[in-house]
Amino acid sequence: MKIAFNEATTLKNSTLKKDLELCEKHGYDLIEIRLDKLKEYLVENTVEDLKSFFQNNRIKPFAFNALEFINFRDDAGYQQIKGDLKFLCGIGEIIDCKKIIVVPTFDVGDYTQSQIKDETIKVLDELAELAASYNVKLALEFVGYPNCSVNTFGQAYEIVTEVNKDNVGIVLDCFHFHAMGSKLEDLKNADPNKIFVFHIDDCEDLPVGALRDHHRVWPGEGAINLDSILKTLKEIGYDEMVSVELFRPEFWEWDAERTIKVGKETTEKAVENYFNVKVKS
């Protein structure tokens, strides 16, 4: 299993250039590139600079994170989503990054579960057609907040299953899985090939529906039963990658190298009983 770094973990204390250099130094296999950090990088650097870095270093790009709030958008908002999708697909062609994470919308109002499902399927179907022309895959990330339109693994998996496209799958994030009480049985019944991205993290011991991103902690240092998730992933045959992703403001105050080093160490420790990971410092 390859170890990846999600740039949200250093959201306020680093840049794409610095994240790349430090992740290479500390032996990460992969990186998830944030859209905002990418745009910031391109102010003073070129896509060719980015391509050259990946060509000359061990670490490789895995996914772009993220196109946010894709469903229930007005026309202007939806056109922005499609514009950013084309932008990322174009960059991805050059640096060989062929996955994009997409996030559902919050606070959509009094839509039924059926209406949410239908709308999200419609949007994913349209965006997937565009992405397919670049050979890009879309990964739907449910968010474990009560006010997110798609907030459980089961709900998201049902949507991507009904979209029924090879380039549409799901993000499994341990925090979001735990936060709204997603069912382990749903994960046990999932096709591992539909899990495009796996995020690892942990969290404080709050009730279902009360957790927010700032409650995340390092893998193995919180209340999530990571062992049950990892064991299930191994049983169903998933072993592609694991990406550490935290949004904890406390860690944004750390030196970025410390954050990146601790992220690698805690992730390896959490998964090593279930998956083979190369330990490189």
Protein backbone atom coordinates (compact mmCIF):
# COMPACT_ATOMS: atom_id res chain seq x y z
CA MET A 1 0.00 0.00 0.00
CA LYS A 2 1.38 3.39 -0.99
CA ILE A 3 1.46 6.30 1.47
CA ALA A 4 0.09 9.67 0.30
CA PHE A 5 -0.07 13.16 1.75
CA ASN A 6 -3.15 15.34 1.52
CA GLU A 7 -2.24 19.03 1.50
CA ALA A 8 -5.11 20.01 3.80
CA THR A 9 -2.85 18.78 6.60
CA THR A 10 -0.54 21.76 6.01
CA LEU A 11 -3.24 24.10 4.73
CA LYS A 12 -2.08 27.26 6.54
CA ASN A 13 1.65 26.69 7.00
CA SER A 14 3.01 25.53 3.66
CA THR A 15 2.82 25.72 -0.12
CA LEU A 16 2.66 23.12 -2.87
CA LYS A 17 6.37 23.61 -3.60
CA LYS A 18 7.31 23.15 0.04
CA ASP A 19 4.93 20.21 0.54
CA LEU A 20 6.46 18.44 -2.47
CA GLU A 21 10.02 18.92 -1.25
CA LEU A 22 9.24 17.79 2.29
CA CYS A 23 7.10 14.83 1.24
CA GLU A 24 9.89 13.67 -1.05
CA LYS A 25 12.39 14.04 1.80
CA HIS A 26 10.27 11.97 4.18
CA GLY A 27 9.52 9.18 1.75
CA TYR A 28 5.90 9.62 0.72
CA ASP A 29 4.91 7.74 -2.42
CA LEU A 30 2.10 10.06 -3.50
CA ILE A 31 0.55 13.49 -2.98
CA GLU A 32 -2.99 14.84 -3.29
CA ILE A 33 -2.71 18.33 -4.77
CA ARG A 34 -5.12 20.95 -3.48
CA LEU A 35 -6.73 23.16 -6.12
CA ASP A 36 -6.07 26.36 -4.15
CA LYS A 37 -2.39 25.51 -3.57
CA LEU A 38 -2.00 24.58 -7.23
CA LYS A 39 -3.35 27.93 -8.39
CA GLU A 40 -1.05 29.70 -5.92
CA TYR A 41 1.92 27.67 -7.21
CA LEU A 42 1.19 28.62 -10.81
CA VAL A 43 1.49 32.34 -10.03
CA GLU A 44 5.28 32.03 -9.92
CA ASN A 45 5.87 28.60 -11.47
CA THR A 46 4.74 26.71 -14.56
CA VAL A 47 3.05 23.39 -15.17
CA GLU A 48 6.30 22.28 -16.79
CA ASP A 49 8.10 23.02 -13.52
CA LEU A 50 5.65 20.73 -11.76
CA LYS A 51 6.04 18.03 -14.40
CA SER A 52 9.82 18.24 -14.08
CA PHE A 53 9.65 17.83 -10.31
CA PHE A 54 7.66 14.63 -10.58
CA GLN A 55 9.90 13.30 -13.34
CA ASN A 56 13.00 13.85 -11.23
CA ASN A 57 11.72 12.65 -7.87
CA ARG A 58 10.22 9.54 -6.33
CA ILE A 59 6.89 11.04 -5.21
CA LYS A 60 4.07 11.11 -7.77
CA PRO A 61 0.74 12.96 -8.02
CA PHE A 62 -2.29 10.85 -7.14
CA ALA A 63 -5.36 13.13 -7.14
CA PHE A 64 -6.54 16.73 -7.20
CA ASN A 65 -8.56 17.83 -4.18
CA ALA A 66 -11.20 19.07 -4.75
CA LEU A 67 -14.11 20.31 -6.82
CA GLU A 68 -16.37 21.44 -4.02
CA PHE A 69 -20.15 21.62 -3.83
CA ILE A 70 -21.03 20.03 -7.15
CA ASN A 71 -24.78 19.46 -6.73
CA PHE A 72 -27.68 21.91 -6.38
CA ARG A 73 -25.70 24.77 -7.92
CA ASP A 74 -27.04 27.73 -9.85
CA ASP A 75 -25.89 28.07 -13.44
CA ALA A 76 -22.93 30.33 -12.66
CA GLY A 77 -21.74 28.04 -9.90
CA TYR A 78 -22.07 24.94 -12.06
CA GLN A 79 -20.17 26.59 -14.92
CA GLN A 80 -17.37 27.35 -12.44
CA ILE A 81 -17.28 23.68 -11.44
CA LYS A 82 -17.00 22.63 -15.09
CA GLY A 83 -14.32 25.25 -15.71
CA ASP A 84 -12.24 24.03 -12.78
CA LEU A 85 -12.74 20.44 -13.94
CA LYS A 86 -11.37 21.27 -17.40
CA PHE A 87 -8.49 23.18 -15.79
CA LEU A 88 -7.53 20.22 -13.58
CA CYS A 89 -7.94 17.73 -16.40
CA GLY A 90 -5.57 19.81 -18.52
CA ILE A 91 -2.98 19.98 -15.74
CA GLY A 92 -3.46 16.28 -15.08
CA GLU A 93 -2.66 15.43 -18.67
CA ILE A 94 0.71 17.13 -18.34
CA ILE A 95 1.76 15.79 -14.91
CA ASP A 96 -0.06 12.42 -15.18
CA CYS A 97 -2.61 12.97 -12.41
CA LYS A 98 -5.82 11.21 -13.37
CA LYS A 99 -8.13 11.46 -10.36
CA ILE A 100 -10.20 14.38 -9.08
CA ILE A 101 -12.12 14.40 -5.80
CA VAL A 102 -15.60 15.95 -5.93
CA VAL A 103 -17.53 17.09 -2.86
CA PRO A 104 -21.32 17.43 -2.44
CA THR A 105 -23.04 20.62 -1.33
CA PHE A 106 -24.09 21.60 2.21
CA ASP A 107 -27.32 23.21 3.41
CA VAL A 108 -29.32 22.44 0.28
CA GLY A 109 -32.72 22.84 1.96
CA ASP A 110 -35.62 20.45 2.31
CA TYR A 111 -34.83 18.02 -0.48
CA THR A 112 -35.74 14.38 0.04
CA GLN A 113 -33.16 11.63 -0.03
CA SER A 114 -34.53 10.59 -3.40
CA GLN A 115 -34.19 14.11 -4.81
CA ILE A 116 -30.62 14.40 -3.49
CA LYS A 117 -29.77 11.07 -5.07
CA ASP A 118 -31.27 12.00 -8.44
CA GLU A 119 -29.56 15.41 -8.54
CA THR A 120 -26.17 14.03 -7.55
CA ILE A 121 -26.41 11.23 -10.11
CA LYS A 122 -27.31 13.74 -12.82
CA VAL A 123 -24.38 16.02 -12.01
CA LEU A 124 -21.87 13.19 -11.64
CA ASP A 125 -23.00 11.71 -14.93
CA GLU A 126 -22.44 15.02 -16.73
CA LEU A 127 -19.08 15.75 -15.10
CA ALA A 128 -17.89 12.19 -15.68
CA GLU A 129 -18.60 12.50 -19.40
CA LEU A 130 -16.38 15.58 -19.54
CA ALA A 131 -13.67 13.94 -17.43
CA ALA A 132 -13.72 10.77 -19.54
CA SER A 133 -12.49 12.71 -22.58
CA TYR A 134 -9.26 13.27 -20.60
CA ASN A 135 -9.21 9.73 -19.18
CA VAL A 136 -9.80 11.18 -15.71
CA LYS A 137 -11.66 9.54 -12.82
CA LEU A 138 -13.95 11.33 -10.36
CA ALA A 139 -14.11 10.30 -6.69
CA LEU A 140 -17.19 11.38 -4.72
CA GLU A 141 -16.32 12.28 -1.12
CA PHE A 142 -19.25 12.12 1.28
CA VAL A 143 -18.84 14.47 4.25
CA GLY A 144 -19.87 13.31 7.71
CA TYR A 145 -21.77 16.44 8.71
CA PRO A 146 -25.56 16.39 9.27
CA ASN A 147 -26.00 19.32 6.86
CA CYS A 148 -24.09 17.77 3.95
CA SER A 149 -26.35 16.49 1.18
CA VAL A 150 -24.34 13.23 0.92
CA ASN A 151 -23.00 12.28 4.34
CA THR A 152 -22.65 8.48 4.67
CA PHE A 153 -20.68 5.82 2.88
CA GLY A 154 -23.82 3.88 2.02
CA GLN A 155 -25.55 6.91 0.48
CA ALA A 156 -22.49 7.83 -1.59
CA TYR A 157 -21.84 4.26 -2.69
CA GLU A 158 -25.42 3.86 -3.87
CA ILE A 159 -25.07 7.03 -5.95
CA VAL A 160 -21.81 6.01 -7.65
CA THR A 161 -23.18 2.52 -8.26
CA GLU A 162 -26.21 3.92 -10.05
CA VAL A 163 -24.08 6.32 -12.08
CA ASN A 164 -22.45 3.10 -13.26
CA LYS A 165 -19.42 4.57 -15.00
CA ASP A 166 -15.91 3.17 -14.83
CA ASN A 167 -14.53 6.63 -14.08
CA VAL A 168 -16.82 7.37 -11.12
CA GLY A 169 -16.00 6.03 -7.66
CA ILE A 170 -15.89 7.00 -4.01
CA VAL A 171 -13.58 8.49 -1.40
CA LEU A 172 -13.45 6.58 1.87
CA ASP A 173 -12.41 9.00 4.62
CA CYS A 174 -12.20 7.44 8.08
CA PHE A 175 -13.30 10.66 9.80
CA HIS A 176 -16.37 11.10 7.63
CA PHE A 177 -17.17 7.37 7.89
CA HIS A 178 -17.14 7.59 11.69
CA ALA A 179 -18.68 11.05 12.06
CA MET A 180 -22.17 10.17 10.78
CA GLY A 181 -22.14 6.53 11.79
CA SER A 182 -21.61 4.91 8.39
CA LYS A 183 -22.11 1.14 8.50
CA LEU A 184 -19.18 -1.25 8.34
CA GLU A 185 -21.49 -3.70 6.59
CA ASP A 186 -21.78 -1.29 3.66
CA LEU A 187 -17.99 -1.23 3.36
CA LYS A 188 -17.84 -5.04 3.57
CA ASN A 189 -20.21 -5.25 0.62
CA ALA A 190 -18.38 -2.66 -1.48
CA ASP A 191 -16.42 -3.32 -4.66
CA PRO A 192 -12.81 -2.33 -3.83
CA ASN A 193 -12.39 -1.09 -7.40
CA LYS A 194 -14.97 1.62 -6.64
CA ILE A 195 -12.86 3.00 -3.78
CA PHE A 196 -10.69 5.45 -5.68
CA VAL A 197 -9.17 7.27 -2.68
CA PHE A 198 -8.66 6.28 0.97
CA HIS A 199 -8.12 9.02 3.59
CA ILE A 200 -6.87 8.11 7.05
CA ASP A 201 -7.27 10.27 10.15
CA ASP A 202 -8.73 9.99 13.63
CA CYS A 203 -10.85 12.20 15.87
CA GLU A 204 -11.95 13.18 19.34
CA ASP A 205 -14.69 11.16 21.03
CA LEU A 206 -17.79 13.19 20.21
CA PRO A 207 -21.29 11.88 19.44
CA VAL A 208 -22.55 11.10 15.95
CA GLY A 209 -23.38 14.35 14.17
CA ALA A 210 -21.29 16.56 16.47
CA LEU A 211 -17.85 16.11 14.92
CA ARG A 212 -16.28 18.75 12.69
CA ASP A 213 -12.99 18.86 10.82
CA HIS A 214 -11.14 20.64 13.62
CA HIS A 215 -11.75 17.61 15.86
CA ARG A 216 -9.43 15.45 13.72
CA VAL A 217 -6.28 14.00 15.28
CA TRP A 218 -3.43 11.82 14.02
CA PRO A 219 -4.27 8.24 13.00
CA GLY A 220 -4.32 5.93 16.03
CA GLU A 221 -4.66 8.77 18.56
CA GLY A 222 -8.44 9.11 18.66
CA ALA A 223 -11.80 7.38 18.95
CA ILE A 224 -12.22 5.88 15.46
CA ASN A 225 -12.01 2.10 15.21
CA LEU A 226 -9.39 2.23 12.47
CA ASP A 227 -8.63 -1.46 12.92
CA SER A 228 -12.13 -2.45 11.82
CA ILE A 229 -11.92 -0.24 8.72
CA LEU A 230 -8.43 -1.42 7.79
CA LYS A 231 -9.31 -5.08 8.40
CA THR A 232 -12.40 -4.75 6.20
CA LEU A 233 -10.42 -3.06 3.42
CA LYS A 234 -7.92 -5.91 3.50
CA GLU A 235 -10.73 -8.49 3.42
CA ILE A 236 -12.43 -6.96 0.37
CA GLY A 237 -9.12 -6.63 -1.46
CA TYR A 238 -8.37 -2.91 -1.35
CA ASP A 239 -4.65 -2.12 -1.01
CA GLU A 240 -3.85 0.73 -3.40
CA MET A 241 -3.09 3.76 -1.24
CA VAL A 242 -3.74 5.59 2.00
CA SER A 243 -3.56 9.37 2.38
CA VAL A 244 -3.23 11.22 5.67
CA GLU A 245 -5.65 14.17 5.83
CA LEU A 246 -6.21 16.43 8.81
CA PHE A 247 -7.83 19.87 9.06
CA ARG A 248 -6.72 20.61 12.62
CA PRO A 249 -5.79 24.29 13.16
CA GLU A 250 -3.37 23.31 15.94
CA PHE A 251 -1.22 21.45 13.43
CA TRP A 252 -1.29 24.36 10.99
CA GLU A 253 0.73 26.23 13.61
CA TRP A 254 3.47 23.62 13.53
CA ASP A 255 6.50 23.79 11.29
CA ALA A 256 5.41 22.10 8.06
CA GLU A 257 8.24 19.55 8.18
CA ARG A 258 7.16 18.38 11.62
CA THR A 259 3.58 17.97 10.39
CA ILE A 260 4.63 16.00 7.32
CA LYS A 261 7.01 13.79 9.32
CA VAL A 262 4.43 12.98 12.03
CA GLY A 263 1.77 12.34 9.38
CA LYS A 264 3.97 9.72 7.72
CA GLU A 265 4.95 8.04 10.98
CA THR A 266 1.41 7.82 12.40
CA THR A 267 -0.04 6.59 9.11
CA GLU A 268 2.54 3.84 8.75
CA LYS A 269 2.01 2.75 12.34
CA ALA A 270 -1.77 2.64 11.86
CA VAL A 271 -1.73 0.51 8.71
CA GLU A 272 1.36 -1.69 9.08
CA ASN A 273 -0.50 -4.54 10.82
CA TYR A 274 -2.76 -4.91 7.79
CA PHE A 275 -0.78 -3.72 4.77
CA ASN A 276 2.78 -3.78 3.59
CA VAL A 277 4.22 -0.26 3.61
CA LYS A 278 7.76 0.76 2.88
CA VAL A 279 9.26 2.68 5.75
CA LYS A 280 11.60 5.32 4.35
CA SER A 281 13.00 8.31 6.21
